[in-house]
Amino acid sequence: MPQTETTQAEAAQPHSTGSGLQTVMVAFGMSIVAMVVGTALYGPPENSERAFRLLHWWKRDPEPAPEAPTPSPRRSQRTKR
């Protein structure tokens, strides 16, 4: 009965290296990130601003809440009556 000889390097490799679907998903994710970063750096100003906001959103840090408008002095006098 023939015996196969395996080297130490072959024995250390995992049995499966991933499916084609995993490769496609990683490539898709990397292309989306590359497209957004490219738009943020080299796109028109309006699209660049949107891309930078999207990148900020991807960081998972909450955006600061917009400040509440301060009432005008005239309006506050009217409501005190």
N, C-alpha and C. Protein backbone atom coordinates (compact mmCIF):
# COMPACT_ATOMS: atom_id res chain seq x y z
N MET A 1 0.84 -1.17 0.00
CA MET A 1 0.00 0.00 0.00
C MET A 1 0.89 1.24 0.00
N PRO A 2 0.68 2.16 -0.96
CA PRO A 2 1.54 3.35 -1.02
C PRO A 2 1.21 4.32 0.12
N GLN A 3 2.22 4.91 0.65
CA GLN A 3 2.05 5.90 1.71
C GLN A 3 2.48 7.26 1.17
N THR A 4 1.69 8.29 1.53
CA THR A 4 2.04 9.63 1.10
C THR A 4 2.87 10.28 2.20
N GLU A 5 3.86 10.97 1.75
CA GLU A 5 4.72 11.67 2.72
C GLU A 5 4.27 13.12 2.79
N THR A 6 3.98 13.57 3.99
CA THR A 6 3.61 14.97 4.18
C THR A 6 4.73 15.66 4.93
N THR A 7 5.00 16.88 4.48
CA THR A 7 6.02 17.67 5.16
C THR A 7 5.38 18.37 6.34
N GLN A 8 6.21 18.93 7.17
CA GLN A 8 5.70 19.62 8.35
C GLN A 8 4.89 20.85 7.95
N ALA A 9 5.29 21.53 6.88
CA ALA A 9 4.56 22.72 6.43
C ALA A 9 3.18 22.35 5.94
N GLU A 10 3.04 21.22 5.24
CA GLU A 10 1.74 20.80 4.75
C GLU A 10 0.82 20.40 5.90
N ALA A 11 1.36 19.80 6.92
CA ALA A 11 0.54 19.37 8.04
C ALA A 11 0.03 20.55 8.85
N ALA A 12 0.74 21.70 8.82
CA ALA A 12 0.35 22.85 9.62
C ALA A 12 -0.73 23.69 8.94
N GLN A 13 -0.99 23.48 7.65
CA GLN A 13 -1.99 24.28 6.94
C GLN A 13 -3.39 23.84 7.34
N PRO A 14 -4.33 24.80 7.40
CA PRO A 14 -5.71 24.42 7.74
C PRO A 14 -6.34 23.60 6.62
N HIS A 15 -7.40 22.91 6.94
CA HIS A 15 -8.05 22.04 5.96
C HIS A 15 -8.78 22.84 4.88
N SER A 16 -9.38 23.95 5.25
CA SER A 16 -10.06 24.76 4.24
C SER A 16 -9.54 26.19 4.35
N THR A 17 -9.41 26.82 3.23
CA THR A 17 -8.89 28.18 3.22
C THR A 17 -9.98 29.21 2.98
N GLY A 18 -11.21 28.83 2.97
CA GLY A 18 -12.31 29.77 2.77
C GLY A 18 -13.02 29.49 1.47
N SER A 19 -14.23 29.94 1.39
CA SER A 19 -15.01 29.69 0.18
C SER A 19 -14.91 30.87 -0.76
N GLY A 20 -15.39 30.67 -1.94
CA GLY A 20 -15.40 31.75 -2.92
C GLY A 20 -16.32 32.88 -2.50
N LEU A 21 -17.38 32.55 -1.76
CA LEU A 21 -18.31 33.58 -1.29
C LEU A 21 -17.63 34.53 -0.31
N GLN A 22 -16.80 33.98 0.58
CA GLN A 22 -16.06 34.83 1.52
C GLN A 22 -15.14 35.78 0.77
N THR A 23 -14.48 35.28 -0.23
CA THR A 23 -13.58 36.11 -1.03
C THR A 23 -14.34 37.22 -1.73
N VAL A 24 -15.49 36.90 -2.29
CA VAL A 24 -16.31 37.89 -2.98
C VAL A 24 -16.79 38.96 -2.00
N MET A 25 -17.22 38.56 -0.81
CA MET A 25 -17.70 39.52 0.17
C MET A 25 -16.59 40.45 0.66
N VAL A 26 -15.41 39.92 0.87
CA VAL A 26 -14.29 40.76 1.30
C VAL A 26 -13.92 41.74 0.19
N ALA A 27 -13.88 41.26 -1.05
CA ALA A 27 -13.56 42.14 -2.18
C ALA A 27 -14.62 43.23 -2.34
N PHE A 28 -15.89 42.88 -2.15
CA PHE A 28 -16.97 43.87 -2.25
C PHE A 28 -16.84 44.93 -1.16
N GLY A 29 -16.59 44.50 0.07
CA GLY A 29 -16.44 45.45 1.17
C GLY A 29 -15.25 46.38 0.96
N MET A 30 -14.15 45.82 0.49
CA MET A 30 -12.96 46.65 0.24
C MET A 30 -13.21 47.65 -0.89
N SER A 31 -13.97 47.24 -1.91
CA SER A 31 -14.26 48.16 -3.00
C SER A 31 -15.17 49.30 -2.54
N ILE A 32 -16.13 49.01 -1.68
CA ILE A 32 -17.02 50.06 -1.16
C ILE A 32 -16.21 51.06 -0.35
N VAL A 33 -15.33 50.57 0.53
CA VAL A 33 -14.50 51.46 1.35
C VAL A 33 -13.59 52.30 0.45
N ALA A 34 -12.99 51.67 -0.55
CA ALA A 34 -12.11 52.41 -1.46
C ALA A 34 -12.88 53.48 -2.23
N MET A 35 -14.10 53.17 -2.63
CA MET A 35 -14.91 54.14 -3.37
C MET A 35 -15.27 55.34 -2.49
N VAL A 36 -15.63 55.09 -1.24
CA VAL A 36 -16.01 56.18 -0.35
C VAL A 36 -14.79 57.04 -0.02
N VAL A 37 -13.66 56.41 0.26
CA VAL A 37 -12.45 57.19 0.56
C VAL A 37 -12.00 57.97 -0.66
N GLY A 38 -12.07 57.38 -1.83
CA GLY A 38 -11.72 58.10 -3.06
C GLY A 38 -12.63 59.29 -3.30
N THR A 39 -13.92 59.12 -3.05
CA THR A 39 -14.86 60.23 -3.21
C THR A 39 -14.59 61.32 -2.18
N ALA A 40 -14.27 60.90 -0.95
CA ALA A 40 -14.00 61.89 0.09
C ALA A 40 -12.77 62.73 -0.24
N LEU A 41 -11.77 62.10 -0.83
CA LEU A 41 -10.52 62.83 -1.09
C LEU A 41 -10.52 63.56 -2.42
N TYR A 42 -11.11 62.95 -3.46
CA TYR A 42 -10.95 63.50 -4.80
C TYR A 42 -12.26 63.88 -5.49
N GLY A 43 -13.37 63.73 -4.83
CA GLY A 43 -14.65 64.02 -5.45
C GLY A 43 -15.01 65.49 -5.39
N PRO A 44 -16.14 65.85 -6.00
CA PRO A 44 -16.63 67.23 -5.91
C PRO A 44 -16.92 67.59 -4.45
N PRO A 45 -16.88 68.86 -4.12
CA PRO A 45 -17.06 69.27 -2.72
C PRO A 45 -18.33 68.73 -2.06
N GLU A 46 -19.44 68.74 -2.77
CA GLU A 46 -20.70 68.27 -2.18
C GLU A 46 -20.63 66.77 -1.86
N ASN A 47 -20.14 65.98 -2.82
CA ASN A 47 -20.01 64.54 -2.59
C ASN A 47 -18.92 64.24 -1.57
N SER A 48 -17.88 65.05 -1.56
CA SER A 48 -16.79 64.85 -0.60
C SER A 48 -17.30 65.03 0.83
N GLU A 49 -18.12 66.05 1.02
CA GLU A 49 -18.68 66.29 2.36
C GLU A 49 -19.56 65.11 2.80
N ARG A 50 -20.35 64.59 1.88
CA ARG A 50 -21.20 63.45 2.21
C ARG A 50 -20.37 62.21 2.54
N ALA A 51 -19.29 62.00 1.79
CA ALA A 51 -18.44 60.84 2.03
C ALA A 51 -17.73 60.95 3.38
N PHE A 52 -17.28 62.16 3.73
CA PHE A 52 -16.65 62.33 5.04
C PHE A 52 -17.65 62.10 6.17
N ARG A 53 -18.90 62.51 5.98
CA ARG A 53 -19.92 62.23 6.99
C ARG A 53 -20.17 60.74 7.12
N LEU A 54 -20.16 60.02 5.98
CA LEU A 54 -20.34 58.58 6.01
C LEU A 54 -19.17 57.91 6.72
N LEU A 55 -17.95 58.37 6.46
CA LEU A 55 -16.79 57.81 7.15
C LEU A 55 -16.89 58.06 8.65
N HIS A 56 -17.36 59.24 9.02
CA HIS A 56 -17.53 59.54 10.44
C HIS A 56 -18.59 58.63 11.05
N TRP A 57 -19.64 58.34 10.30
CA TRP A 57 -20.69 57.46 10.78
C TRP A 57 -20.16 56.03 10.96
N TRP A 58 -19.27 55.60 10.08
CA TRP A 58 -18.69 54.25 10.18
C TRP A 58 -17.83 54.09 11.42
N LYS A 59 -17.33 55.20 11.99
CA LYS A 59 -16.51 55.10 13.20
C LYS A 59 -17.33 54.68 14.42
N ARG A 60 -18.62 54.76 14.35
CA ARG A 60 -19.54 54.42 15.43
C ARG A 60 -19.48 55.39 16.59
N ASP A 61 -18.97 56.57 16.37
CA ASP A 61 -19.03 57.62 17.38
C ASP A 61 -20.28 58.44 17.10
N PRO A 62 -21.08 58.73 18.10
CA PRO A 62 -22.28 59.52 17.82
C PRO A 62 -21.92 60.94 17.42
N GLU A 63 -22.66 61.46 16.46
CA GLU A 63 -22.44 62.84 16.05
C GLU A 63 -22.94 63.76 17.15
N PRO A 64 -22.26 64.88 17.35
CA PRO A 64 -22.74 65.81 18.37
C PRO A 64 -24.11 66.37 17.97
N ALA A 65 -24.96 66.51 18.94
CA ALA A 65 -26.30 67.04 18.68
C ALA A 65 -26.20 68.51 18.30
N PRO A 66 -27.00 68.93 17.35
CA PRO A 66 -26.97 70.36 17.00
C PRO A 66 -27.44 71.19 18.18
N GLU A 67 -26.84 72.35 18.32
CA GLU A 67 -27.20 73.22 19.43
C GLU A 67 -28.61 73.76 19.22
N ALA A 68 -29.34 73.85 20.31
CA ALA A 68 -30.69 74.40 20.23
C ALA A 68 -30.60 75.90 19.96
N PRO A 69 -31.45 76.40 19.11
CA PRO A 69 -31.40 77.84 18.83
C PRO A 69 -31.77 78.63 20.09
N THR A 70 -31.02 79.67 20.32
CA THR A 70 -31.31 80.51 21.48
C THR A 70 -32.46 81.45 21.13
N PRO A 71 -33.41 81.60 22.03
CA PRO A 71 -34.53 82.49 21.73
C PRO A 71 -34.06 83.95 21.68
N SER A 72 -34.66 84.70 20.81
CA SER A 72 -34.29 86.12 20.70
C SER A 72 -34.80 86.86 21.94
N PRO A 73 -34.12 87.93 22.33
CA PRO A 73 -34.56 88.66 23.52
C PRO A 73 -35.99 89.20 23.37
N ARG A 74 -36.35 89.56 22.19
CA ARG A 74 -37.67 90.09 21.96
C ARG A 74 -38.75 89.04 22.21
N ARG A 75 -38.47 87.82 21.75
CA ARG A 75 -39.45 86.75 21.94
C ARG A 75 -39.58 86.38 23.42
N SER A 76 -38.47 86.39 24.15
CA SER A 76 -38.55 86.03 25.57
C SER A 76 -39.33 87.09 26.36
N GLN A 77 -39.28 88.35 25.93
CA GLN A 77 -40.05 89.38 26.61
C GLN A 77 -41.54 89.18 26.36
N ARG A 78 -41.86 88.72 25.16
CA ARG A 78 -43.25 88.52 24.82
C ARG A 78 -43.85 87.37 25.62
N THR A 79 -43.08 86.34 25.89
CA THR A 79 -43.62 85.18 26.59
C THR A 79 -43.68 85.38 28.10
N LYS A 80 -43.01 86.37 28.65
CA LYS A 80 -43.00 86.60 30.10
C LYS A 80 -44.29 87.25 30.56
N ARG A 81 -45.05 87.86 29.72
CA ARG A 81 -46.25 88.60 30.13
C ARG A 81 -47.28 87.75 30.70
